[in-house]
């Protein structure tokens, strides 16, 4: 399964104010969280921060701007974010129009700081077209572990360029991390294959799971579009209620970083048609779980999603997910 990818994107601040703030803040020294000799990294999303910490090990100090439950589509940089980024040795952002409200800021900041859009290193033939914007792509590539390896390698390369003396460490850590991703991909394929073919319909609050569906052969239906800034109108909800009733879909899913209002409207609409639908669980889409938890890691968030989806749609999954399996076999 893992080899398949080898064979086959607050407060509003004006540009003038941003430029002034960046110029002033560049004189600040590195924050105390980065020890002497460590690479001070700021990442936008938790998924990128988690990968950077895995790859960098003790050679880096990583700070994520967006924590659990934060929607990156709508996020705007705060004053404290600007301070953190102008003190950083390396800024890692996703790109592919995920952090849409911050794109201009990153393009400007990149003229004076080391700023890398790690997901934009992905081959174009591995990207799915955006549902609204021409010449743009669905940014949710982390939903497919096979595609996430490209992002991990881009992070490795950015770390090596910023701190070449630790190249051997970064390469070794990346190799180990990619093996973990490979094991997760294999586990996900095995578990999701137990879901009956007719049940492989994943209905969520917004279109964050297209890469997941492509990787594991699921039909994916988002009530909102790829961006959470799009709105699901009454006509869209009515269309989806018809689909749910027609296909006898019994479970839909909420997301940890998106309002469940549209999902509950679907459930109520189906109930009015005499068709019962339940919430199959809460999935991690644009943000990971709480820090210091298994779901607060990239591997844990995907493991949680895979096992939650499989159980709700009639498949079989270990109660403790892949972590539980590892505990048994170790």
C-alpha atoms as a PDB file:
ATOM      1  CA  UNK A   1       0.000   0.000   0.000  1.00  0.00           C
ATOM      2  CA  UNK A   2       2.760   2.448   0.952  1.00  0.00           C
ATOM      3  CA  UNK A   3       4.502   2.029  -2.399  1.00  0.00           C
ATOM      4  CA  UNK A   4       1.409   3.137  -4.306  1.00  0.00           C
ATOM      5  CA  UNK A   5       2.442   6.761  -4.055  1.00  0.00           C
ATOM      6  CA  UNK A   6       5.730   6.195  -5.847  1.00  0.00           C
ATOM      7  CA  UNK A   7       3.967   4.728  -8.846  1.00  0.00           C
ATOM      8  CA  UNK A   8       1.374   7.141  -9.466  1.00  0.00           C
ATOM      9  CA  UNK A   9      -0.710  21.446  -3.007  1.00  0.00           C
ATOM     10  CA  UNK A  10      -8.070  38.339  14.405  1.00  0.00           C
ATOM     11  CA  UNK A  11      -7.242  41.179  13.745  1.00  0.00           C
ATOM     12  CA  UNK A  12      -6.661  42.276  10.216  1.00  0.00           C
ATOM     13  CA  UNK A  13      -3.295  43.970   9.712  1.00  0.00           C
ATOM     14  CA  UNK A  14      -2.538  46.064   6.624  1.00  0.00           C
ATOM     15  CA  UNK A  15       0.554  45.359   4.530  1.00  0.00           C
ATOM     16  CA  UNK A  16       2.126  48.626   5.704  1.00  0.00           C
ATOM     17  CA  UNK A  17       1.597  47.790   9.369  1.00  0.00           C
ATOM     18  CA  UNK A  18       2.887  44.257   8.849  1.00  0.00           C
ATOM     19  CA  UNK A  19       5.999  45.558   7.157  1.00  0.00           C
ATOM     20  CA  UNK A  20       6.687  47.974  10.008  1.00  0.00           C
ATOM     21  CA  UNK A  21       6.132  45.320  12.676  1.00  0.00           C
ATOM     22  CA  UNK A  22       8.397  42.843  10.924  1.00  0.00           C
ATOM     23  CA  UNK A  23      11.162  45.415  10.551  1.00  0.00           C
ATOM     24  CA  UNK A  24      11.017  46.382  14.221  1.00  0.00           C
ATOM     25  CA  UNK A  25      10.715  42.845  15.577  1.00  0.00           C
ATOM     26  CA  UNK A  26      13.653  41.478  13.606  1.00  0.00           C
ATOM     27  CA  UNK A  27      16.032  43.001  16.157  1.00  0.00           C
ATOM     28  CA  UNK A  28      14.785  40.693  18.915  1.00  0.00           C
ATOM     29  CA  UNK A  29      16.923  37.720  20.041  1.00  0.00           C
ATOM     30  CA  UNK A  30      15.868  34.056  19.957  1.00  0.00           C
ATOM     31  CA  UNK A  31      13.284  33.077  22.589  1.00  0.00           C
ATOM     32  CA  UNK A  32      14.463  31.248  25.720  1.00  0.00           C
ATOM     33  CA  UNK A  33      12.581  28.081  24.636  1.00  0.00           C
ATOM     34  CA  UNK A  34      15.349  27.416  22.106  1.00  0.00           C
ATOM     35  CA  UNK A  35      18.536  26.328  23.877  1.00  0.00           C
ATOM     36  CA  UNK A  36      21.938  27.346  22.583  1.00  0.00           C
ATOM     37  CA  UNK A  37      22.660  25.501  19.363  1.00  0.00           C
ATOM     38  CA  UNK A  38      19.040  24.483  18.781  1.00  0.00           C
ATOM     39  CA  UNK A  39      17.214  25.469  15.622  1.00  0.00           C
ATOM     40  CA  UNK A  40      14.258  27.651  16.614  1.00  0.00           C
ATOM     41  CA  UNK A  41      11.305  26.624  14.414  1.00  0.00           C
ATOM     42  CA  UNK A  42       7.804  28.073  14.146  1.00  0.00           C
ATOM     43  CA  UNK A  43       5.234  25.923  12.321  1.00  0.00           C
ATOM     44  CA  UNK A  44       1.685  26.893  11.446  1.00  0.00           C
ATOM     45  CA  UNK A  45      -0.195  23.631  12.026  1.00  0.00           C
ATOM     46  CA  UNK A  46       0.224  20.954  14.645  1.00  0.00           C
ATOM     47  CA  UNK A  47       0.836  18.332  11.956  1.00  0.00           C
ATOM     48  CA  UNK A  48       3.839  20.219  10.599  1.00  0.00           C
ATOM     49  CA  UNK A  49       5.137  20.966  14.095  1.00  0.00           C
ATOM     50  CA  UNK A  50       4.860  17.295  15.062  1.00  0.00           C
ATOM     51  CA  UNK A  51       6.810  16.190  11.986  1.00  0.00           C
ATOM     52  CA  UNK A  52       9.476  18.862  12.534  1.00  0.00           C
ATOM     53  CA  UNK A  53       9.934  17.751  16.141  1.00  0.00           C
ATOM     54  CA  UNK A  54      10.230  14.097  15.085  1.00  0.00           C
ATOM     55  CA  UNK A  55      12.760  14.883  12.378  1.00  0.00           C
ATOM     56  CA  UNK A  56      14.698  17.504  14.309  1.00  0.00           C
ATOM     57  CA  UNK A  57      14.884  15.669  17.635  1.00  0.00           C
ATOM     58  CA  UNK A  58      17.021  17.384  20.268  1.00  0.00           C
ATOM     59  CA  UNK A  59      18.507  19.690  17.653  1.00  0.00           C
ATOM     60  CA  UNK A  60      15.337  21.769  17.349  1.00  0.00           C
ATOM     61  CA  UNK A  61      12.781  23.659  19.420  1.00  0.00           C
ATOM     62  CA  UNK A  62       9.399  23.775  17.683  1.00  0.00           C
ATOM     63  CA  UNK A  63       6.433  26.060  18.327  1.00  0.00           C
ATOM     64  CA  UNK A  64       3.044  25.580  16.593  1.00  0.00           C
ATOM     65  CA  UNK A  65       0.883  28.639  15.978  1.00  0.00           C
ATOM     66  CA  UNK A  66      -2.389  26.697  15.683  1.00  0.00           C
ATOM     67  CA  UNK A  67      -3.426  24.382  18.489  1.00  0.00           C
ATOM     68  CA  UNK A  68      -6.251  21.854  18.935  1.00  0.00           C
ATOM     69  CA  UNK A  69      -9.596  22.902  17.480  1.00  0.00           C
ATOM     70  CA  UNK A  70      -8.124  25.785  15.476  1.00  0.00           C
ATOM     71  CA  UNK A  71      -9.304  26.181  11.880  1.00  0.00           C
ATOM     72  CA  UNK A  72      -6.322  27.068   9.627  1.00  0.00           C
ATOM     73  CA  UNK A  73      -8.578  28.209   6.781  1.00  0.00           C
ATOM     74  CA  UNK A  74      -9.770  31.180   8.843  1.00  0.00           C
ATOM     75  CA  UNK A  75      -6.698  31.797  11.021  1.00  0.00           C
ATOM     76  CA  UNK A  76      -5.013  35.216  10.969  1.00  0.00           C
ATOM     77  CA  UNK A  77      -1.626  35.983  12.459  1.00  0.00           C
ATOM     78  CA  UNK A  78      -1.677  37.743  15.817  1.00  0.00           C
ATOM     79  CA  UNK A  79       0.862  40.178  17.189  1.00  0.00           C
ATOM     80  CA  UNK A  80       2.421  37.397  19.288  1.00  0.00           C
ATOM     81  CA  UNK A  81       2.621  35.177  16.172  1.00  0.00           C
ATOM     82  CA  UNK A  82       4.547  37.892  14.359  1.00  0.00           C
ATOM     83  CA  UNK A  83       6.934  38.213  17.301  1.00  0.00           C
ATOM     84  CA  UNK A  84       7.505  34.442  17.349  1.00  0.00           C
ATOM     85  CA  UNK A  85       8.094  34.208  13.610  1.00  0.00           C
ATOM     86  CA  UNK A  86      10.495  37.126  13.442  1.00  0.00           C
ATOM     87  CA  UNK A  87      12.568  35.491  16.202  1.00  0.00           C
ATOM     88  CA  UNK A  88      12.590  32.094  14.498  1.00  0.00           C
ATOM     89  CA  UNK A  89      15.451  30.569  12.544  1.00  0.00           C
ATOM     90  CA  UNK A  90      12.965  28.732  10.318  1.00  0.00           C
ATOM     91  CA  UNK A  91       9.241  29.155   9.620  1.00  0.00           C
ATOM     92  CA  UNK A  92       7.372  26.158   8.211  1.00  0.00           C
ATOM     93  CA  UNK A  93       3.926  26.722   6.757  1.00  0.00           C
ATOM     94  CA  UNK A  94       1.733  24.351   4.800  1.00  0.00           C
ATOM     95  CA  UNK A  95       0.847  26.284   1.665  1.00  0.00           C
ATOM     96  CA  UNK A  96      -1.570  25.080  -1.040  1.00  0.00           C
ATOM     97  CA  UNK A  97      -3.927  27.845   0.139  1.00  0.00           C
ATOM     98  CA  UNK A  98      -4.539  26.174   3.528  1.00  0.00           C
ATOM     99  CA  UNK A  99      -3.558  29.274   5.522  1.00  0.00           C
ATOM    100  CA  UNK A 100      -5.443  31.462   3.062  1.00  0.00           C
ATOM    101  CA  UNK A 101      -5.654  34.491   5.373  1.00  0.00           C
ATOM    102  CA  UNK A 102      -1.873  34.469   5.944  1.00  0.00           C
ATOM    103  CA  UNK A 103      -0.532  33.914   2.427  1.00  0.00           C
ATOM    104  CA  UNK A 104       0.384  37.539   1.713  1.00  0.00           C
ATOM    105  CA  UNK A 105       2.110  37.788   5.076  1.00  0.00           C
ATOM    106  CA  UNK A 106       4.244  34.697   4.430  1.00  0.00           C
ATOM    107  CA  UNK A 107       5.193  35.843   0.936  1.00  0.00           C
ATOM    108  CA  UNK A 108       6.404  39.160   2.346  1.00  0.00           C
ATOM    109  CA  UNK A 109       8.118  37.585   5.348  1.00  0.00           C
ATOM    110  CA  UNK A 110       9.944  35.183   3.043  1.00  0.00           C
ATOM    111  CA  UNK A 111      11.905  38.088   1.575  1.00  0.00           C
ATOM    112  CA  UNK A 112      13.779  38.542   4.843  1.00  0.00           C
ATOM    113  CA  UNK A 113      13.356  35.269   6.781  1.00  0.00           C
ATOM    114  CA  UNK A 114      13.754  31.547   6.110  1.00  0.00           C
ATOM    115  CA  UNK A 115      10.149  30.625   5.242  1.00  0.00           C
ATOM    116  CA  UNK A 116       9.196  27.308   3.594  1.00  0.00           C
ATOM    117  CA  UNK A 117       5.773  26.136   2.333  1.00  0.00           C
ATOM    118  CA  UNK A 118       6.383  22.423   2.897  1.00  0.00           C
ATOM    119  CA  UNK A 119       3.293  20.967   1.182  1.00  0.00           C
ATOM    120  CA  UNK A 120       4.092  22.816  -2.026  1.00  0.00           C
ATOM    121  CA  UNK A 121       6.997  20.408  -2.543  1.00  0.00           C
ATOM    122  CA  UNK A 122       4.502  17.692  -3.454  1.00  0.00           C
ATOM    123  CA  UNK A 123       4.421  16.481  -7.075  1.00  0.00           C
ATOM    124  CA  UNK A 124       1.503  18.017  -8.927  1.00  0.00           C
ATOM    125  CA  UNK A 125       0.233  14.618 -10.042  1.00  0.00           C
ATOM    126  CA  UNK A 126      -0.378  13.679  -6.402  1.00  0.00           C
ATOM    127  CA  UNK A 127      -2.626  16.697  -5.759  1.00  0.00           C
ATOM    128  CA  UNK A 128      -6.418  16.944  -6.061  1.00  0.00           C
ATOM    129  CA  UNK A 129      -7.927  20.031  -7.672  1.00  0.00           C
ATOM    130  CA  UNK A 130      -9.631  22.611  -5.463  1.00  0.00           C
ATOM    131  CA  UNK A 131     -13.423  22.641  -5.691  1.00  0.00           C
ATOM    132  CA  UNK A 132     -13.686  26.439  -6.026  1.00  0.00           C
ATOM    133  CA  UNK A 133     -10.405  28.096  -7.019  1.00  0.00           C
ATOM    134  CA  UNK A 134      -8.895  27.519 -10.451  1.00  0.00           C
ATOM    135  CA  UNK A 135      -5.227  26.499 -10.532  1.00  0.00           C
ATOM    136  CA  UNK A 136      -5.264  25.647  -6.812  1.00  0.00           C
ATOM    137  CA  UNK A 137      -5.351  22.325  -5.004  1.00  0.00           C
ATOM    138  CA  UNK A 138      -7.008  20.665  -2.046  1.00  0.00           C
ATOM    139  CA  UNK A 139      -4.522  21.318   0.786  1.00  0.00           C
ATOM    140  CA  UNK A 140      -5.544  18.430   3.095  1.00  0.00           C
ATOM    141  CA  UNK A 141      -2.709  16.133   2.001  1.00  0.00           C
ATOM    142  CA  UNK A 142      -1.990  14.895   5.541  1.00  0.00           C
ATOM    143  CA  UNK A 143      -5.162  12.788   5.376  1.00  0.00           C
ATOM    144  CA  UNK A 144      -3.237  10.269   3.258  1.00  0.00           C
ATOM    145  CA  UNK A 145      -0.116   8.969   5.052  1.00  0.00           C
ATOM    146  CA  UNK A 146       1.349   7.999   1.691  1.00  0.00           C
ATOM    147  CA  UNK A 147       1.282  11.614   0.562  1.00  0.00           C
ATOM    148  CA  UNK A 148       2.418  12.970   3.928  1.00  0.00           C
ATOM    149  CA  UNK A 149       5.843  11.419   3.311  1.00  0.00           C
ATOM    150  CA  UNK A 150       6.511  14.141   0.719  1.00  0.00           C
ATOM    151  CA  UNK A 151       5.857  16.803   3.339  1.00  0.00           C
ATOM    152  CA  UNK A 152       8.119  15.022   5.837  1.00  0.00           C
ATOM    153  CA  UNK A 153      10.915  14.970   3.278  1.00  0.00           C
ATOM    154  CA  UNK A 154      10.391  18.676   2.538  1.00  0.00           C
ATOM    155  CA  UNK A 155      10.664  19.414   6.266  1.00  0.00           C
ATOM    156  CA  UNK A 156      13.858  17.341   6.432  1.00  0.00           C
ATOM    157  CA  UNK A 157      15.348  19.303   3.550  1.00  0.00           C
ATOM    158  CA  UNK A 158      14.423  22.631   5.148  1.00  0.00           C
ATOM    159  CA  UNK A 159      16.062  21.586   8.417  1.00  0.00           C
ATOM    160  CA  UNK A 160      19.210  20.431   6.640  1.00  0.00           C
ATOM    161  CA  UNK A 161      19.473  23.708   4.748  1.00  0.00           C
ATOM    162  CA  UNK A 162      19.060  25.679   7.979  1.00  0.00           C
ATOM    163  CA  UNK A 163      21.422  23.507  10.050  1.00  0.00           C
ATOM    164  CA  UNK A 164      23.661  21.461   7.692  1.00  0.00           C
ATOM    165  CA  UNK A 165      25.942  20.292  10.502  1.00  0.00           C
ATOM    166  CA  UNK A 166      23.098  18.037  11.723  1.00  0.00           C
ATOM    167  CA  UNK A 167      22.319  16.547   8.324  1.00  0.00           C
ATOM    168  CA  UNK A 168      23.051  12.950   9.395  1.00  0.00           C
ATOM    169  CA  UNK A 169      20.731  13.243  12.410  1.00  0.00           C
ATOM    170  CA  UNK A 170      17.900  14.736  10.365  1.00  0.00           C
ATOM    171  CA  UNK A 171      18.232  12.049   7.693  1.00  0.00           C
ATOM    172  CA  UNK A 172      18.228   9.227  10.233  1.00  0.00           C
ATOM    173  CA  UNK A 173      15.246  10.661  12.104  1.00  0.00           C
ATOM    174  CA  UNK A 174      13.351  11.103   8.845  1.00  0.00           C
ATOM    175  CA  UNK A 175      13.994   7.510   7.813  1.00  0.00           C
ATOM    176  CA  UNK A 176      12.592   6.303  11.151  1.00  0.00           C
ATOM    177  CA  UNK A 177       9.581   8.623  10.859  1.00  0.00           C
ATOM    178  CA  UNK A 178       8.785   7.427   7.342  1.00  0.00           C
ATOM    179  CA  UNK A 179       8.821   3.850   8.594  1.00  0.00           C
ATOM    180  CA  UNK A 180       6.238   4.831  11.215  1.00  0.00           C
ATOM    181  CA  UNK A 181       4.118   6.402   8.489  1.00  0.00           C
ATOM    182  CA  UNK A 182       4.455   3.254   6.376  1.00  0.00           C
ATOM    183  CA  UNK A 183       3.246   1.113   9.276  1.00  0.00           C
ATOM    184  CA  UNK A 184       0.315   3.450   9.851  1.00  0.00           C
ATOM    185  CA  UNK A 185      -0.603   3.339   6.159  1.00  0.00           C
ATOM    186  CA  UNK A 186      -0.565  -0.457   6.176  1.00  0.00           C
ATOM    187  CA  UNK A 187      -2.663  -0.572   9.349  1.00  0.00           C
ATOM    188  CA  UNK A 188      -5.184   1.904   7.905  1.00  0.00           C
ATOM    189  CA  UNK A 189      -5.564  -0.058   4.679  1.00  0.00           C
ATOM    190  CA  UNK A 190      -6.135  -3.307   6.559  1.00  0.00           C
ATOM    191  CA  UNK A 191      -8.692  -1.854   8.976  1.00  0.00           C
ATOM    192  CA  UNK A 192     -10.621   0.150   6.391  1.00  0.00           C
ATOM    193  CA  UNK A 193     -10.801  -2.858   4.065  1.00  0.00           C
ATOM    194  CA  UNK A 194     -13.091  -4.486   6.658  1.00  0.00           C
ATOM    195  CA  UNK A 195     -15.782  -1.846   6.009  1.00  0.00           C
ATOM    196  CA  UNK A 196     -18.390  -3.335   3.628  1.00  0.00           C
ATOM    197  CA  UNK A 197     -18.073  -1.828   0.157  1.00  0.00           C
ATOM    198  CA  UNK A 198     -21.586  -0.347   0.178  1.00  0.00           C
ATOM    199  CA  UNK A 199     -20.857   1.380   3.504  1.00  0.00           C
ATOM    200  CA  UNK A 200     -17.743   3.213   2.348  1.00  0.00           C
ATOM    201  CA  UNK A 201     -19.354   6.640   2.276  1.00  0.00           C
ATOM    202  CA  UNK A 202     -17.748   9.241   4.526  1.00  0.00           C
ATOM    203  CA  UNK A 203     -19.951  12.276   5.251  1.00  0.00           C
ATOM    204  CA  UNK A 204     -18.245  15.083   7.185  1.00  0.00           C
ATOM    205  CA  UNK A 205     -18.673  18.759   7.966  1.00  0.00           C
ATOM    206  CA  UNK A 206     -16.309  19.959   5.229  1.00  0.00           C
ATOM    207  CA  UNK A 207     -14.348  18.448   2.352  1.00  0.00           C
ATOM    208  CA  UNK A 208     -11.161  17.615   4.277  1.00  0.00           C
ATOM    209  CA  UNK A 209     -11.053  13.888   3.498  1.00  0.00           C
ATOM    210  CA  UNK A 210     -10.643  13.677  -0.287  1.00  0.00           C
ATOM    211  CA  UNK A 211      -7.082  12.346  -0.035  1.00  0.00           C
ATOM    212  CA  UNK A 212      -8.260   9.823   2.544  1.00  0.00           C
ATOM    213  CA  UNK A 213     -10.988   8.679   0.170  1.00  0.00           C
ATOM    214  CA  UNK A 214      -8.559   8.440  -2.732  1.00  0.00           C
ATOM    215  CA  UNK A 215      -6.121   6.374  -0.699  1.00  0.00           C
ATOM    216  CA  UNK A 216      -8.590   3.945   0.866  1.00  0.00           C
ATOM    217  CA  UNK A 217     -11.429   3.750  -1.678  1.00  0.00           C
ATOM    218  CA  UNK A 218     -14.133   5.741   0.124  1.00  0.00           C
ATOM    219  CA  UNK A 219     -16.713   8.093  -1.333  1.00  0.00           C
ATOM    220  CA  UNK A 220     -16.238  11.369   0.509  1.00  0.00           C
ATOM    221  CA  UNK A 221     -18.996  13.953   0.913  1.00  0.00           C
ATOM    222  CA  UNK A 222     -18.358  17.269   2.651  1.00  0.00           C
ATOM    223  CA  UNK A 223     -21.311  19.438   3.572  1.00  0.00           C
ATOM    224  CA  UNK A 224     -19.153  22.526   3.106  1.00  0.00           C
ATOM    225  CA  UNK A 225     -16.481  22.728   0.441  1.00  0.00           C
ATOM    226  CA  UNK A 226     -12.725  22.308   0.862  1.00  0.00           C
ATOM    227  CA  UNK A 227     -12.515  25.589   2.756  1.00  0.00           C
ATOM    228  CA  UNK A 228     -14.566  26.054   5.923  1.00  0.00           C
ATOM    229  CA  UNK A 229     -15.171  29.609   4.713  1.00  0.00           C
ATOM    230  CA  UNK A 230     -17.682  28.256   2.196  1.00  0.00           C
ATOM    231  CA  UNK A 231     -21.271  28.007   3.390  1.00  0.00           C
ATOM    232  CA  UNK A 232     -23.670  25.102   2.963  1.00  0.00           C
ATOM    233  CA  UNK A 233     -27.024  26.510   1.864  1.00  0.00           C
ATOM    234  CA  UNK A 234     -30.443  24.981   2.318  1.00  0.00           C
ATOM    235  CA  UNK A 235     -30.369  23.554  -1.205  1.00  0.00           C
ATOM    236  CA  UNK A 236     -27.076  21.774  -0.522  1.00  0.00           C
ATOM    237  CA  UNK A 237     -28.385  20.321   2.742  1.00  0.00           C
ATOM    238  CA  UNK A 238     -31.575  19.138   1.005  1.00  0.00           C
ATOM    239  CA  UNK A 239     -29.541  17.456  -1.747  1.00  0.00           C
ATOM    240  CA  UNK A 240     -27.432  15.633   0.817  1.00  0.00           C
ATOM    241  CA  UNK A 241     -30.491  14.509   2.799  1.00  0.00           C
ATOM    242  CA  UNK A 242     -31.840  12.958  -0.418  1.00  0.00           C
ATOM    243  CA  UNK A 243     -28.516  11.189  -0.939  1.00  0.00           C
ATOM    244  CA  UNK A 244     -28.332   9.889   2.634  1.00  0.00           C
ATOM    245  CA  UNK A 245     -31.849   8.501   2.447  1.00  0.00           C
ATOM    246  CA  UNK A 246     -31.347   6.999  -1.018  1.00  0.00           C
ATOM    247  CA  UNK A 247     -28.073   5.272  -0.116  1.00  0.00           C
ATOM    248  CA  UNK A 248     -29.282   4.300   3.368  1.00  0.00           C
ATOM    249  CA  UNK A 249     -26.270   5.897   5.027  1.00  0.00           C
ATOM    250  CA  UNK A 250     -26.518   5.404   8.773  1.00  0.00           C
ATOM    251  CA  UNK A 251     -23.641   7.486  10.184  1.00  0.00           C
ATOM    252  CA  UNK A 252     -22.110  10.911   9.608  1.00  0.00           C
ATOM    253  CA  UNK A 253     -19.138  12.513  11.344  1.00  0.00           C
ATOM    254  CA  UNK A 254     -18.394  15.786  13.075  1.00  0.00           C
ATOM    255  CA  UNK A 255     -14.957  17.407  13.101  1.00  0.00           C
ATOM    256  CA  UNK A 256     -12.983  18.721  16.051  1.00  0.00           C
ATOM    257  CA  UNK A 257     -12.204  22.063  14.392  1.00  0.00           C
ATOM    258  CA  UNK A 258     -15.492  22.727  12.541  1.00  0.00           C
ATOM    259  CA  UNK A 259     -18.974  23.581  13.830  1.00  0.00           C
ATOM    260  CA  UNK A 260     -21.372  20.621  13.887  1.00  0.00           C
ATOM    261  CA  UNK A 261     -24.368  22.793  12.889  1.00  0.00           C
ATOM    262  CA  UNK A 262     -24.524  21.537   9.284  1.00  0.00           C
ATOM    263  CA  UNK A 263     -24.086  17.917  10.331  1.00  0.00           C
ATOM    264  CA  UNK A 264     -26.993  18.175  12.754  1.00  0.00           C
ATOM    265  CA  UNK A 265     -29.114  19.797  10.043  1.00  0.00           C
ATOM    266  CA  UNK A 266     -28.536  16.686   7.917  1.00  0.00           C
ATOM    267  CA  UNK A 267     -29.552  14.399  10.766  1.00  0.00           C
ATOM    268  CA  UNK A 268     -32.720  16.389  11.393  1.00  0.00           C
ATOM    269  CA  UNK A 269     -33.567  16.482   7.685  1.00  0.00           C
ATOM    270  CA  UNK A 270     -33.155  12.735   7.351  1.00  0.00           C
ATOM    271  CA  UNK A 271     -35.242  12.129  10.481  1.00  0.00           C
ATOM    272  CA  UNK A 272     -38.067  14.159   8.915  1.00  0.00           C
ATOM    273  CA  UNK A 273     -37.915  11.687   6.031  1.00  0.00           C
ATOM    274  CA  UNK A 274     -38.108   8.706   8.416  1.00  0.00           C
ATOM    275  CA  UNK A 275     -34.420   7.800   8.065  1.00  0.00           C
ATOM    276  CA  UNK A 276     -32.324   7.607  11.238  1.00  0.00           C
ATOM    277  CA  UNK A 277     -28.718   8.763  11.105  1.00  0.00           C
ATOM    278  CA  UNK A 278     -26.308   8.851  14.032  1.00  0.00           C
ATOM    279  CA  UNK A 279     -23.076  10.728  14.613  1.00  0.00           C
ATOM    280  CA  UNK A 280     -20.397   8.104  14.063  1.00  0.00           C
ATOM    281  CA  UNK A 281     -17.825  10.043  16.040  1.00  0.00           C
ATOM    282  CA  UNK A 282     -15.654  13.152  16.014  1.00  0.00           C
ATOM    283  CA  UNK A 283     -12.763  13.201  13.538  1.00  0.00           C
ATOM    284  CA  UNK A 284      -9.591  15.271  13.524  1.00  0.00           C
ATOM    285  CA  UNK A 285      -9.486  17.160  10.241  1.00  0.00           C
ATOM    286  CA  UNK A 286      -7.571  20.457  10.242  1.00  0.00           C
ATOM    287  CA  UNK A 287      -6.068  20.133  13.725  1.00  0.00           C
ATOM    288  CA  UNK A 288      -4.739  17.379  15.952  1.00  0.00           C
ATOM    289  CA  UNK A 289      -5.863  16.439  19.455  1.00  0.00           C
ATOM    290  CA  UNK A 290      -4.729  17.866  22.770  1.00  0.00           C
ATOM    291  CA  UNK A 291      -0.967  18.128  23.467  1.00  0.00           C
ATOM    292  CA  UNK A 292       0.634  15.245  25.363  1.00  0.00           C
ATOM    293  CA  UNK A 293      -1.996  12.792  24.079  1.00  0.00           C
ATOM    294  CA  UNK A 294      -1.714  10.130  21.378  1.00  0.00           C
ATOM    295  CA  UNK A 295      -4.285  12.008  19.291  1.00  0.00           C
ATOM    296  CA  UNK A 296      -2.101  15.094  19.703  1.00  0.00           C
ATOM    297  CA  UNK A 297       0.389  13.541  17.268  1.00  0.00           C
ATOM    298  CA  UNK A 298       0.066  13.074  13.526  1.00  0.00           C
ATOM    299  CA  UNK A 299       0.180   9.287  13.810  1.00  0.00           C
ATOM    300  CA  UNK A 300      -2.401   9.364  16.602  1.00  0.00           C
ATOM    301  CA  UNK A 301      -4.858  11.641  14.813  1.00  0.00           C
ATOM    302  CA  UNK A 302      -4.868   9.442  11.698  1.00  0.00           C
ATOM    303  CA  UNK A 303      -5.094   6.263  13.798  1.00  0.00           C
ATOM    304  CA  UNK A 304      -8.076   7.751  15.656  1.00  0.00           C
ATOM    305  CA  UNK A 305      -9.808   8.718  12.408  1.00  0.00           C
ATOM    306  CA  UNK A 306      -9.245   5.322  10.806  1.00  0.00           C
ATOM    307  CA  UNK A 307     -10.542   3.311  13.741  1.00  0.00           C
ATOM    308  CA  UNK A 308     -13.493   5.663  14.380  1.00  0.00           C
ATOM    309  CA  UNK A 309     -14.599   5.538  10.746  1.00  0.00           C
ATOM    310  CA  UNK A 310     -14.182   1.766  10.482  1.00  0.00           C
ATOM    311  CA  UNK A 311     -16.220   1.013  13.620  1.00  0.00           C
ATOM    312  CA  UNK A 312     -19.030   3.440  12.744  1.00  0.00           C
ATOM    313  CA  UNK A 313     -19.430   2.122   9.195  1.00  0.00           C
ATOM    314  CA  UNK A 314     -19.523  -1.570  10.002  1.00  0.00           C
ATOM    315  CA  UNK A 315     -15.848  -2.486   9.879  1.00  0.00           C
ATOM    316  CA  UNK A 316     -13.593  -3.973  12.515  1.00  0.00           C
ATOM    317  CA  UNK A 317     -10.883  -2.108  14.385  1.00  0.00           C
ATOM    318  CA  UNK A 318      -8.976  -2.758  17.623  1.00  0.00           C
ATOM    319  CA  UNK A 319     -10.414  -0.823  20.552  1.00  0.00           C
ATOM    320  CA  UNK A 320      -7.114   0.943  21.215  1.00  0.00           C
ATOM    321  CA  UNK A 321      -6.232   1.461  17.563  1.00  0.00           C
ATOM    322  CA  UNK A 322      -2.770   0.898  16.242  1.00  0.00           C
ATOM    323  CA  UNK A 323      -1.225   1.983  19.565  1.00  0.00           C
ATOM    324  CA  UNK A 324      -3.041  -0.852  21.299  1.00  0.00           C
ATOM    325  CA  UNK A 325      -1.826  -3.308  18.684  1.00  0.00           C
ATOM    326  CA  UNK A 326       1.750  -2.161  19.143  1.00  0.00           C
ATOM    327  CA  UNK A 327       1.428  -2.566  22.911  1.00  0.00           C
ATOM    328  CA  UNK A 328       0.306  -6.147  22.426  1.00  0.00           C
ATOM    329  CA  UNK A 329       3.079  -7.055  19.997  1.00  0.00           C
ATOM    330  CA  UNK A 330       5.965  -5.309  21.754  1.00  0.00           C
END
